[in-house]
Amino acid sequence: MHAETSKQTAGMATAAIAASPPTDPEYPHSLTISLPLPSHHLADTIQRALSVDQEISPFVQRTYTSTPDSPILQIHYKATTARMLRVATNGMFGSLGTVLRVCEELDVDVLEKELGE
């Protein structure tokens, strides 16, 4: 099964979520979250902040992808069950919300400049 979700809000791109067909028999459930950000610098900062917390369960694997030429942070998940995938991604979205709020508070000028506000 392949599913993809993406939203466009007020001219700003929001995260895209894609579930891919299983490629790893040990971890048959997978999900990739593509998070567009104003700059590669913010994508890298958020990746470093989130990667500090390792997955608690051995039934879930998480990796990140970002490239210097793109402001998109990709978060890749693989899990043994759909439930473990859901629990892991729910936790990550909570952490992501916190990190984004901190970036907004600490880098107000940077965010406003990069968003053109």
Foldseek 3Di string as FASTA:
>chain_A
DWDKDWDADPNDTAKMKIWDQADDQLFRTKMKIKGADLALVLLVVLQVQLVVDADPDPQKHWDWDDDRVGRIIMIMMTGNDPVSVVVVVVVSVVVSVVSVVVCCVPVVVVRCVSVVD
